[in-house]
Amino acid sequence: MKKYVTLCIAVLAILKVSAQLPIIEPNKTWNIARCNSAVPVCTTLFYKFEDTLEINGKNYTKILTSELSNPDNWQNAGYIRDDGTGKTYYLTNSNSKEILLYDFSMNVGDTVVLESVNYGQCCPSKTSVDSIKNIDYNDITRKTLYVSSLIQSEGSTAKTNSVWIEGIGSKLGLLQPTECLYTGAYFYLLCCNTNNQLTYKNPTASSCTITAITNNELQKDIKIRTNSTNIEIENNSKYAIYVLFVAVDGRILNNTYIPQNSTKTVSTSKFSKGICIVTIYSESESYSSKIFIP
């Protein structure tokens, strides 16, 4: 009898992990930070589902988006569908080509080519699964894929990393499966909710919203220089600062304190090559930027 009970528990555990968790669910919403890397300004984008409709013989769910500055102004962000096997597809509009957005049925070592979705994820990429874990997010076990992508952008090829969370999307956002290497906007997921219940919260974010900030005074007094072995931060401001380095998959790489009118060097030996988000805090100001670790 004891062996039977143990077997049942094991089977239930396997079913809990292996069951495909859909991205499309009623009353699911996302809060996503969109930051400008050229002029460090961040704001919050909101995403939600609307109605379901048939396009080319397949059922899609419409995605709406708005900004924190005008939260009632919802705009069409495209159409999405789950196929029930772990794959999620996207249409920019009803006349566009269907493209693959996520594939949670992949195993370690599998590779897939992801095309541009023309709404956030701008660069075609060859994406490989490096590892897979089953992780609890607010008491729900979700298959989590750690992927790396070979990105082609502005004539240059580089490799970036991302994390896909089953039923949520990626740590970069709903429509950003991989990081894009270009001067412009970058994204990261703040929170995801279902029926007003938090299903995911970014552990590095203080809240589920980021208000637009522009701090040119602080920014012009901070100099950041990178090379193949380290990052040098020169603080010429009148404040002491904290400098937080975060990988695009949400991992905190380093958090360092620099007194006013001081310079500090941070080793990049434990950093991954590619994009890194830098947030600088003083007692009264803060800003974020994006740098490349060679």
C-alpha atoms as a PDB file:
ATOM      1  CA  MET A   1       0.000   0.000   0.000  1.00  0.00           C
ATOM      2  CA  LYS A   2       2.812   2.395   0.906  1.00  0.00           C
ATOM      3  CA  LYS A   3       4.523   1.719  -2.432  1.00  0.00           C
ATOM      4  CA  TYR A   4       1.229   2.402  -4.248  1.00  0.00           C
ATOM      5  CA  VAL A   5       0.758   5.737  -2.484  1.00  0.00           C
ATOM      6  CA  THR A   6       4.362   6.710  -3.208  1.00  0.00           C
ATOM      7  CA  LEU A   7       3.891   5.822  -6.876  1.00  0.00           C
ATOM      8  CA  CYS A   8       0.711   7.933  -7.080  1.00  0.00           C
ATOM      9  CA  ILE A   9       2.465  10.918  -5.542  1.00  0.00           C
ATOM     10  CA  ALA A  10       5.326  10.556  -8.016  1.00  0.00           C
ATOM     11  CA  VAL A  11       2.932  10.355 -10.969  1.00  0.00           C
ATOM     12  CA  LEU A  12       1.028  13.436  -9.786  1.00  0.00           C
ATOM     13  CA  ALA A  13       4.292  15.344  -9.416  1.00  0.00           C
ATOM     14  CA  ILE A  14       5.305  14.426 -12.957  1.00  0.00           C
ATOM     15  CA  LEU A  15       1.903  15.487 -14.301  1.00  0.00           C
ATOM     16  CA  LYS A  16       2.142  18.783 -12.461  1.00  0.00           C
ATOM     17  CA  VAL A  17       5.491  19.542 -14.096  1.00  0.00           C
ATOM     18  CA  SER A  18       4.797  18.146 -17.567  1.00  0.00           C
ATOM     19  CA  ALA A  19       1.329  19.641 -18.142  1.00  0.00           C
ATOM     20  CA  GLN A  20       1.527  22.425 -20.696  1.00  0.00           C
ATOM     21  CA  LEU A  21       0.694  25.760 -19.088  1.00  0.00           C
ATOM     22  CA  PRO A  22      -0.809  28.107 -21.693  1.00  0.00           C
ATOM     23  CA  ILE A  23       0.185  31.721 -22.182  1.00  0.00           C
ATOM     24  CA  ILE A  24      -3.400  32.561 -23.116  1.00  0.00           C
ATOM     25  CA  GLU A  25      -5.671  32.656 -20.059  1.00  0.00           C
ATOM     26  CA  PRO A  26      -8.654  34.890 -19.241  1.00  0.00           C
ATOM     27  CA  ASN A  27      -7.847  38.041 -17.271  1.00  0.00           C
ATOM     28  CA  LYS A  28      -4.074  37.682 -17.631  1.00  0.00           C
ATOM     29  CA  THR A  29      -2.012  40.884 -17.741  1.00  0.00           C
ATOM     30  CA  TRP A  30       1.647  41.868 -18.028  1.00  0.00           C
ATOM     31  CA  ASN A  31       3.584  44.914 -16.824  1.00  0.00           C
ATOM     32  CA  ILE A  32       6.718  45.400 -18.918  1.00  0.00           C
ATOM     33  CA  ALA A  33       9.424  48.045 -18.586  1.00  0.00           C
ATOM     34  CA  ARG A  34      10.472  49.742 -21.806  1.00  0.00           C
ATOM     35  CA  CYS A  35      13.681  51.722 -21.525  1.00  0.00           C
ATOM     36  CA  ASN A  36      15.466  53.934 -24.014  1.00  0.00           C
ATOM     37  CA  SER A  37      19.164  53.090 -24.041  1.00  0.00           C
ATOM     38  CA  ALA A  38      20.153  56.268 -25.886  1.00  0.00           C
ATOM     39  CA  VAL A  39      18.409  58.611 -23.418  1.00  0.00           C
ATOM     40  CA  PRO A  40      17.864  56.716 -20.138  1.00  0.00           C
ATOM     41  CA  VAL A  41      14.092  56.979 -19.788  1.00  0.00           C
ATOM     42  CA  CYS A  42      11.941  54.060 -18.627  1.00  0.00           C
ATOM     43  CA  THR A  43       8.200  53.651 -18.585  1.00  0.00           C
ATOM     44  CA  THR A  44       5.725  50.818 -18.024  1.00  0.00           C
ATOM     45  CA  LEU A  45       3.777  49.078 -20.774  1.00  0.00           C
ATOM     46  CA  PHE A  46       0.612  47.137 -19.954  1.00  0.00           C
ATOM     47  CA  TYR A  47      -0.572  44.131 -21.953  1.00  0.00           C
ATOM     48  CA  LYS A  48      -3.876  42.273 -21.744  1.00  0.00           C
ATOM     49  CA  PHE A  49      -6.047  39.969 -23.839  1.00  0.00           C
ATOM     50  CA  GLU A  50      -9.303  40.962 -25.485  1.00  0.00           C
ATOM     51  CA  ASP A  51     -11.564  38.791 -27.610  1.00  0.00           C
ATOM     52  CA  THR A  52     -10.851  35.591 -29.555  1.00  0.00           C
ATOM     53  CA  LEU A  53     -11.401  35.522 -33.284  1.00  0.00           C
ATOM     54  CA  GLU A  54     -10.758  33.261 -36.248  1.00  0.00           C
ATOM     55  CA  ILE A  55      -8.034  34.220 -38.725  1.00  0.00           C
ATOM     56  CA  ASN A  56      -7.215  31.949 -41.668  1.00  0.00           C
ATOM     57  CA  GLY A  57      -9.086  29.073 -40.024  1.00  0.00           C
ATOM     58  CA  LYS A  58      -7.235  29.324 -36.680  1.00  0.00           C
ATOM     59  CA  ASN A  59      -8.363  30.820 -33.373  1.00  0.00           C
ATOM     60  CA  TYR A  60      -6.301  33.769 -32.121  1.00  0.00           C
ATOM     61  CA  THR A  61      -6.599  36.020 -29.085  1.00  0.00           C
ATOM     62  CA  LYS A  62      -6.179  39.747 -29.583  1.00  0.00           C
ATOM     63  CA  ILE A  63      -3.474  41.526 -27.535  1.00  0.00           C
ATOM     64  CA  LEU A  64      -3.968  45.114 -26.349  1.00  0.00           C
ATOM     65  CA  THR A  65      -1.285  47.419 -24.967  1.00  0.00           C
ATOM     66  CA  SER A  66      -1.180  50.807 -23.251  1.00  0.00           C
ATOM     67  CA  GLU A  67       1.372  53.006 -21.460  1.00  0.00           C
ATOM     68  CA  LEU A  68       1.559  54.176 -17.874  1.00  0.00           C
ATOM     69  CA  SER A  69       1.245  57.775 -19.062  1.00  0.00           C
ATOM     70  CA  ASN A  70      -2.092  56.990 -20.754  1.00  0.00           C
ATOM     71  CA  PRO A  71      -3.363  53.687 -19.310  1.00  0.00           C
ATOM     72  CA  ASP A  72      -6.864  53.946 -20.807  1.00  0.00           C
ATOM     73  CA  ASN A  73      -5.586  54.294 -24.370  1.00  0.00           C
ATOM     74  CA  TRP A  74      -5.457  50.622 -25.396  1.00  0.00           C
ATOM     75  CA  GLN A  75      -3.946  49.832 -28.801  1.00  0.00           C
ATOM     76  CA  ASN A  76      -3.870  46.623 -30.830  1.00  0.00           C
ATOM     77  CA  ALA A  77      -0.529  44.823 -30.350  1.00  0.00           C
ATOM     78  CA  GLY A  78      -1.290  41.828 -32.561  1.00  0.00           C
ATOM     79  CA  TYR A  79      -2.756  38.343 -32.210  1.00  0.00           C
ATOM     80  CA  ILE A  80      -1.490  35.262 -30.410  1.00  0.00           C
ATOM     81  CA  ARG A  81      -2.407  31.572 -30.191  1.00  0.00           C
ATOM     82  CA  ASP A  82      -1.269  28.501 -28.234  1.00  0.00           C
ATOM     83  CA  ASP A  83      -1.328  25.209 -30.141  1.00  0.00           C
ATOM     84  CA  GLY A  84      -1.585  22.992 -27.033  1.00  0.00           C
ATOM     85  CA  THR A  85       1.871  21.421 -27.443  1.00  0.00           C
ATOM     86  CA  GLY A  86       3.946  24.213 -25.917  1.00  0.00           C
ATOM     87  CA  LYS A  87       4.205  26.354 -29.038  1.00  0.00           C
ATOM     88  CA  THR A  88       2.904  29.922 -29.167  1.00  0.00           C
ATOM     89  CA  TYR A  89       2.410  31.771 -32.443  1.00  0.00           C
ATOM     90  CA  TYR A  90       2.010  35.466 -33.234  1.00  0.00           C
ATOM     91  CA  LEU A  91       0.494  37.677 -35.936  1.00  0.00           C
ATOM     92  CA  THR A  92       1.252  41.391 -36.176  1.00  0.00           C
ATOM     93  CA  ASN A  93      -2.073  41.887 -37.955  1.00  0.00           C
ATOM     94  CA  SER A  94      -4.734  39.755 -39.625  1.00  0.00           C
ATOM     95  CA  ASN A  95      -2.911  39.900 -42.980  1.00  0.00           C
ATOM     96  CA  SER A  96       0.623  39.156 -41.735  1.00  0.00           C
ATOM     97  CA  LYS A  97       2.553  35.902 -41.755  1.00  0.00           C
ATOM     98  CA  GLU A  98       2.228  33.707 -38.674  1.00  0.00           C
ATOM     99  CA  ILE A  99       5.520  33.317 -36.839  1.00  0.00           C
ATOM    100  CA  LEU A 100       6.681  31.192 -33.926  1.00  0.00           C
ATOM    101  CA  LEU A 101       7.070  33.183 -30.703  1.00  0.00           C
ATOM    102  CA  TYR A 102       7.908  30.432 -28.149  1.00  0.00           C
ATOM    103  CA  ASP A 103       8.396  26.663 -28.174  1.00  0.00           C
ATOM    104  CA  PHE A 104       8.286  25.145 -24.682  1.00  0.00           C
ATOM    105  CA  SER A 105       8.317  21.619 -26.112  1.00  0.00           C
ATOM    106  CA  MET A 106      12.031  21.935 -26.902  1.00  0.00           C
ATOM    107  CA  ASN A 107      14.673  19.950 -25.031  1.00  0.00           C
ATOM    108  CA  VAL A 108      18.246  20.828 -24.056  1.00  0.00           C
ATOM    109  CA  GLY A 109      20.337  21.233 -27.202  1.00  0.00           C
ATOM    110  CA  ASP A 110      17.370  21.935 -29.473  1.00  0.00           C
ATOM    111  CA  THR A 111      17.590  24.980 -31.734  1.00  0.00           C
ATOM    112  CA  VAL A 112      14.884  27.071 -33.372  1.00  0.00           C
ATOM    113  CA  VAL A 113      14.953  30.079 -35.689  1.00  0.00           C
ATOM    114  CA  LEU A 114      12.747  32.942 -34.444  1.00  0.00           C
ATOM    115  CA  GLU A 115      11.744  35.675 -36.846  1.00  0.00           C
ATOM    116  CA  SER A 116      11.031  39.312 -36.047  1.00  0.00           C
ATOM    117  CA  VAL A 117       7.560  39.925 -34.592  1.00  0.00           C
ATOM    118  CA  ASN A 118       7.689  43.615 -35.549  1.00  0.00           C
ATOM    119  CA  TYR A 119       6.388  44.612 -32.126  1.00  0.00           C
ATOM    120  CA  GLY A 120       9.152  44.580 -29.539  1.00  0.00           C
ATOM    121  CA  GLN A 121      11.347  41.658 -30.642  1.00  0.00           C
ATOM    122  CA  CYS A 122      12.947  43.218 -33.689  1.00  0.00           C
ATOM    123  CA  CYS A 123      15.765  40.876 -34.655  1.00  0.00           C
ATOM    124  CA  PRO A 124      15.685  37.420 -36.259  1.00  0.00           C
ATOM    125  CA  SER A 125      17.565  34.947 -34.080  1.00  0.00           C
ATOM    126  CA  LYS A 126      18.828  31.388 -33.972  1.00  0.00           C
ATOM    127  CA  THR A 127      17.938  30.331 -30.437  1.00  0.00           C
ATOM    128  CA  SER A 128      19.238  27.263 -28.570  1.00  0.00           C
ATOM    129  CA  VAL A 129      18.128  25.698 -25.287  1.00  0.00           C
ATOM    130  CA  ASP A 130      21.078  25.594 -22.888  1.00  0.00           C
ATOM    131  CA  SER A 131      19.301  24.156 -19.832  1.00  0.00           C
ATOM    132  CA  ILE A 132      15.825  23.491 -18.422  1.00  0.00           C
ATOM    133  CA  LYS A 133      14.537  23.739 -14.854  1.00  0.00           C
ATOM    134  CA  ASN A 134      11.163  23.313 -13.165  1.00  0.00           C
ATOM    135  CA  ILE A 135      10.753  26.329 -10.880  1.00  0.00           C
ATOM    136  CA  ASP A 136       7.951  27.372  -8.538  1.00  0.00           C
ATOM    137  CA  TYR A 137       6.584  30.844  -9.207  1.00  0.00           C
ATOM    138  CA  ASN A 138       3.977  31.783  -6.594  1.00  0.00           C
ATOM    139  CA  ASP A 139       3.212  28.104  -5.875  1.00  0.00           C
ATOM    140  CA  ILE A 140       2.908  27.076  -9.531  1.00  0.00           C
ATOM    141  CA  THR A 141       5.653  24.929 -11.045  1.00  0.00           C
ATOM    142  CA  ARG A 142       6.575  26.201 -14.490  1.00  0.00           C
ATOM    143  CA  LYS A 143       8.981  24.789 -17.038  1.00  0.00           C
ATOM    144  CA  THR A 144      11.781  27.336 -17.397  1.00  0.00           C
ATOM    145  CA  LEU A 145      14.075  27.339 -20.413  1.00  0.00           C
ATOM    146  CA  TYR A 146      17.446  29.071 -20.332  1.00  0.00           C
ATOM    147  CA  VAL A 147      18.197  29.958 -23.934  1.00  0.00           C
ATOM    148  CA  SER A 148      20.952  31.679 -25.874  1.00  0.00           C
ATOM    149  CA  SER A 149      20.376  33.435 -29.168  1.00  0.00           C
ATOM    150  CA  LEU A 150      22.595  34.307 -32.073  1.00  0.00           C
ATOM    151  CA  ILE A 151      21.214  37.720 -33.052  1.00  0.00           C
ATOM    152  CA  GLN A 152      21.706  39.425 -36.399  1.00  0.00           C
ATOM    153  CA  SER A 153      21.345  43.188 -35.995  1.00  0.00           C
ATOM    154  CA  GLU A 154      22.702  46.160 -37.946  1.00  0.00           C
ATOM    155  CA  GLY A 155      25.087  43.923 -39.866  1.00  0.00           C
ATOM    156  CA  SER A 156      26.695  42.477 -36.724  1.00  0.00           C
ATOM    157  CA  THR A 157      26.206  39.068 -35.164  1.00  0.00           C
ATOM    158  CA  ALA A 158      26.321  38.658 -31.379  1.00  0.00           C
ATOM    159  CA  LYS A 159      25.056  36.214 -28.763  1.00  0.00           C
ATOM    160  CA  THR A 160      22.590  37.044 -25.982  1.00  0.00           C
ATOM    161  CA  ASN A 161      20.800  35.097 -23.247  1.00  0.00           C
ATOM    162  CA  SER A 162      17.186  34.947 -22.124  1.00  0.00           C
ATOM    163  CA  VAL A 163      14.869  32.963 -19.859  1.00  0.00           C
ATOM    164  CA  TRP A 164      11.512  31.583 -21.012  1.00  0.00           C
ATOM    165  CA  ILE A 165       8.873  30.831 -18.377  1.00  0.00           C
ATOM    166  CA  GLU A 166       6.049  28.519 -19.401  1.00  0.00           C
ATOM    167  CA  GLY A 167       2.678  30.260 -19.358  1.00  0.00           C
ATOM    168  CA  ILE A 168       4.256  33.703 -18.920  1.00  0.00           C
ATOM    169  CA  GLY A 169       6.644  34.387 -21.816  1.00  0.00           C
ATOM    170  CA  SER A 170      10.198  35.532 -21.208  1.00  0.00           C
ATOM    171  CA  LYS A 171      11.911  37.650 -18.571  1.00  0.00           C
ATOM    172  CA  LEU A 172      12.245  40.279 -21.290  1.00  0.00           C
ATOM    173  CA  GLY A 173       8.487  40.501 -21.843  1.00  0.00           C
ATOM    174  CA  LEU A 174       5.554  38.842 -23.570  1.00  0.00           C
ATOM    175  CA  LEU A 175       6.590  39.780 -27.116  1.00  0.00           C
ATOM    176  CA  GLN A 176      10.354  39.817 -26.522  1.00  0.00           C
ATOM    177  CA  PRO A 177      11.568  36.198 -26.554  1.00  0.00           C
ATOM    178  CA  THR A 178      15.178  37.301 -27.158  1.00  0.00           C
ATOM    179  CA  GLU A 179      17.273  40.407 -26.571  1.00  0.00           C
ATOM    180  CA  CYS A 180      17.936  42.700 -29.511  1.00  0.00           C
ATOM    181  CA  LEU A 181      21.369  44.273 -29.983  1.00  0.00           C
ATOM    182  CA  TYR A 182      20.667  47.741 -31.280  1.00  0.00           C
ATOM    183  CA  THR A 183      20.600  51.338 -30.050  1.00  0.00           C
ATOM    184  CA  GLY A 184      17.038  52.049 -29.019  1.00  0.00           C
ATOM    185  CA  ALA A 185      14.575  50.448 -26.625  1.00  0.00           C
ATOM    186  CA  TYR A 186      15.138  47.431 -24.406  1.00  0.00           C
ATOM    187  CA  PHE A 187      12.521  45.582 -22.388  1.00  0.00           C
ATOM    188  CA  TYR A 188      12.226  43.543 -19.208  1.00  0.00           C
ATOM    189  CA  LEU A 189       9.289  41.917 -17.467  1.00  0.00           C
ATOM    190  CA  LEU A 190       8.155  43.518 -14.216  1.00  0.00           C
ATOM    191  CA  CYS A 191       5.051  41.479 -13.283  1.00  0.00           C
ATOM    192  CA  CYS A 192       2.437  39.076 -14.625  1.00  0.00           C
ATOM    193  CA  ASN A 193      -1.028  38.656 -13.091  1.00  0.00           C
ATOM    194  CA  THR A 194      -3.919  36.265 -13.641  1.00  0.00           C
ATOM    195  CA  ASN A 195      -7.340  37.206 -12.241  1.00  0.00           C
ATOM    196  CA  ASN A 196      -5.603  39.974 -10.252  1.00  0.00           C
ATOM    197  CA  GLN A 197      -3.366  37.386  -8.570  1.00  0.00           C
ATOM    198  CA  LEU A 198       0.389  37.844  -8.961  1.00  0.00           C
ATOM    199  CA  THR A 199       1.908  34.953 -10.912  1.00  0.00           C
ATOM    200  CA  TYR A 200       5.359  36.484 -11.453  1.00  0.00           C
ATOM    201  CA  LYS A 201       7.283  39.459 -10.067  1.00  0.00           C
ATOM    202  CA  ASN A 202      10.751  40.475 -11.168  1.00  0.00           C
ATOM    203  CA  PRO A 203      12.954  39.972  -8.086  1.00  0.00           C
ATOM    204  CA  THR A 204      15.142  42.960  -9.033  1.00  0.00           C
ATOM    205  CA  ALA A 205      12.226  45.392  -9.444  1.00  0.00           C
ATOM    206  CA  SER A 206      10.907  47.367  -6.478  1.00  0.00           C
ATOM    207  CA  SER A 207       7.365  47.479  -7.899  1.00  0.00           C
ATOM    208  CA  CYS A 208       5.253  46.445 -10.880  1.00  0.00           C
ATOM    209  CA  THR A 209       5.412  49.916 -12.440  1.00  0.00           C
ATOM    210  CA  ILE A 210       8.236  52.228 -13.462  1.00  0.00           C
ATOM    211  CA  THR A 211       7.507  55.894 -14.019  1.00  0.00           C
ATOM    212  CA  ALA A 212       9.289  57.791 -16.770  1.00  0.00           C
ATOM    213  CA  ILE A 213      12.486  59.363 -15.449  1.00  0.00           C
ATOM    214  CA  THR A 214      15.094  61.581 -17.050  1.00  0.00           C
ATOM    215  CA  ASN A 215      18.080  62.506 -14.916  1.00  0.00           C
ATOM    216  CA  ASN A 216      20.516  64.297 -17.173  1.00  0.00           C
ATOM    217  CA  GLU A 217      22.337  65.931 -14.258  1.00  0.00           C
ATOM    218  CA  LEU A 218      23.334  62.601 -12.709  1.00  0.00           C
ATOM    219  CA  GLN A 219      23.922  60.932 -16.047  1.00  0.00           C
ATOM    220  CA  LYS A 220      26.378  63.533 -17.333  1.00  0.00           C
ATOM    221  CA  ASP A 221      28.525  63.149 -14.189  1.00  0.00           C
ATOM    222  CA  ILE A 222      28.882  59.360 -14.458  1.00  0.00           C
ATOM    223  CA  LYS A 223      31.347  57.828 -16.913  1.00  0.00           C
ATOM    224  CA  ILE A 224      31.295  54.084 -17.684  1.00  0.00           C
ATOM    225  CA  ARG A 225      34.095  52.458 -19.665  1.00  0.00           C
ATOM    226  CA  THR A 226      34.264  48.765 -20.592  1.00  0.00           C
ATOM    227  CA  ASN A 227      36.970  46.482 -21.913  1.00  0.00           C
ATOM    228  CA  SER A 228      37.476  42.726 -22.168  1.00  0.00           C
ATOM    229  CA  THR A 229      38.257  42.258 -18.449  1.00  0.00           C
ATOM    230  CA  ASN A 230      36.506  44.961 -16.433  1.00  0.00           C
ATOM    231  CA  ILE A 231      34.149  47.925 -16.207  1.00  0.00           C
ATOM    232  CA  GLU A 232      35.396  51.246 -14.874  1.00  0.00           C
ATOM    233  CA  ILE A 233      32.830  53.594 -13.302  1.00  0.00           C
ATOM    234  CA  GLU A 234      33.886  57.186 -12.689  1.00  0.00           C
ATOM    235  CA  ASN A 235      31.621  59.096 -10.311  1.00  0.00           C
ATOM    236  CA  ASN A 236      32.114  62.840 -10.748  1.00  0.00           C
ATOM    237  CA  SER A 237      28.770  63.715  -9.189  1.00  0.00           C
ATOM    238  CA  LYS A 238      28.133  65.404  -5.843  1.00  0.00           C
ATOM    239  CA  TYR A 239      26.499  62.189  -4.578  1.00  0.00           C
ATOM    240  CA  ALA A 240      27.666  58.775  -3.496  1.00  0.00           C
ATOM    241  CA  ILE A 241      26.100  56.197  -5.813  1.00  0.00           C
ATOM    242  CA  TYR A 242      25.154  52.539  -5.970  1.00  0.00           C
ATOM    243  CA  VAL A 243      25.696  50.793  -9.307  1.00  0.00           C
ATOM    244  CA  LEU A 244      23.624  47.681 -10.082  1.00  0.00           C
ATOM    245  CA  PHE A 245      24.538  45.397 -13.005  1.00  0.00           C
ATOM    246  CA  VAL A 246      21.735  43.075 -14.150  1.00  0.00           C
ATOM    247  CA  ALA A 247      21.853  40.497 -16.960  1.00  0.00           C
ATOM    248  CA  VAL A 248      19.004  40.545 -19.496  1.00  0.00           C
ATOM    249  CA  ASP A 249      17.635  37.336 -17.936  1.00  0.00           C
ATOM    250  CA  GLY A 250      17.175  39.139 -14.596  1.00  0.00           C
ATOM    251  CA  ARG A 251      20.274  37.848 -12.755  1.00  0.00           C
ATOM    252  CA  ILE A 252      22.053  40.376 -10.527  1.00  0.00           C
ATOM    253  CA  LEU A 253      25.701  40.366 -11.622  1.00  0.00           C
ATOM    254  CA  ASN A 254      27.149  42.975  -9.291  1.00  0.00           C
ATOM    255  CA  ASN A 255      26.054  45.710  -6.879  1.00  0.00           C
ATOM    256  CA  THR A 256      28.736  48.187  -5.871  1.00  0.00           C
ATOM    257  CA  TYR A 257      29.043  51.419  -3.872  1.00  0.00           C
ATOM    258  CA  ILE A 258      31.102  54.366  -5.148  1.00  0.00           C
ATOM    259  CA  PRO A 259      31.683  57.514  -3.053  1.00  0.00           C
ATOM    260  CA  GLN A 260      31.423  60.934  -4.679  1.00  0.00           C
ATOM    261  CA  ASN A 261      34.347  61.974  -6.880  1.00  0.00           C
ATOM    262  CA  SER A 262      35.701  58.426  -6.940  1.00  0.00           C
ATOM    263  CA  THR A 263      36.395  55.721  -9.510  1.00  0.00           C
ATOM    264  CA  LYS A 264      35.898  51.988  -9.091  1.00  0.00           C
ATOM    265  CA  THR A 265      36.728  49.023 -11.315  1.00  0.00           C
ATOM    266  CA  VAL A 266      34.438  45.980 -11.481  1.00  0.00           C
ATOM    267  CA  SER A 267      35.744  42.690 -12.874  1.00  0.00           C
ATOM    268  CA  THR A 268      33.626  41.108 -15.617  1.00  0.00           C
ATOM    269  CA  SER A 269      35.136  37.631 -15.206  1.00  0.00           C
ATOM    270  CA  LYS A 270      31.780  36.280 -13.962  1.00  0.00           C
ATOM    271  CA  PHE A 271      29.661  38.304 -16.405  1.00  0.00           C
ATOM    272  CA  SER A 272      28.160  36.771 -19.536  1.00  0.00           C
ATOM    273  CA  LYS A 273      29.156  38.319 -22.829  1.00  0.00           C
ATOM    274  CA  GLY A 274      26.472  40.475 -24.397  1.00  0.00           C
ATOM    275  CA  ILE A 275      24.001  43.054 -23.177  1.00  0.00           C
ATOM    276  CA  CYS A 276      24.031  44.165 -19.523  1.00  0.00           C
ATOM    277  CA  ILE A 277      21.622  46.632 -17.898  1.00  0.00           C
ATOM    278  CA  VAL A 278      23.220  49.181 -15.555  1.00  0.00           C
ATOM    279  CA  THR A 279      21.135  51.091 -13.008  1.00  0.00           C
ATOM    280  CA  ILE A 280      22.722  53.929 -11.043  1.00  0.00           C
ATOM    281  CA  TYR A 281      21.141  55.250  -7.835  1.00  0.00           C
ATOM    282  CA  SER A 282      21.978  58.316  -5.756  1.00  0.00           C
ATOM    283  CA  GLU A 283      20.126  59.715  -2.756  1.00  0.00           C
ATOM    284  CA  SER A 284      17.808  61.682  -5.028  1.00  0.00           C
ATOM    285  CA  GLU A 285      18.127  60.385  -8.607  1.00  0.00           C
ATOM    286  CA  SER A 286      18.455  57.231 -10.642  1.00  0.00           C
ATOM    287  CA  TYR A 287      18.762  56.150 -14.253  1.00  0.00           C
ATOM    288  CA  SER A 288      19.273  52.996 -16.297  1.00  0.00           C
ATOM    289  CA  SER A 289      21.386  52.328 -19.351  1.00  0.00           C
ATOM    290  CA  LYS A 290      22.485  49.410 -21.477  1.00  0.00           C
ATOM    291  CA  ILE A 291      26.105  48.414 -22.121  1.00  0.00           C
ATOM    292  CA  PHE A 292      27.777  45.628 -24.061  1.00  0.00           C
ATOM    293  CA  ILE A 293      30.214  43.228 -22.380  1.00  0.00           C
ATOM    294  CA  PRO A 294      32.741  42.149 -25.056  1.00  0.00           C
END
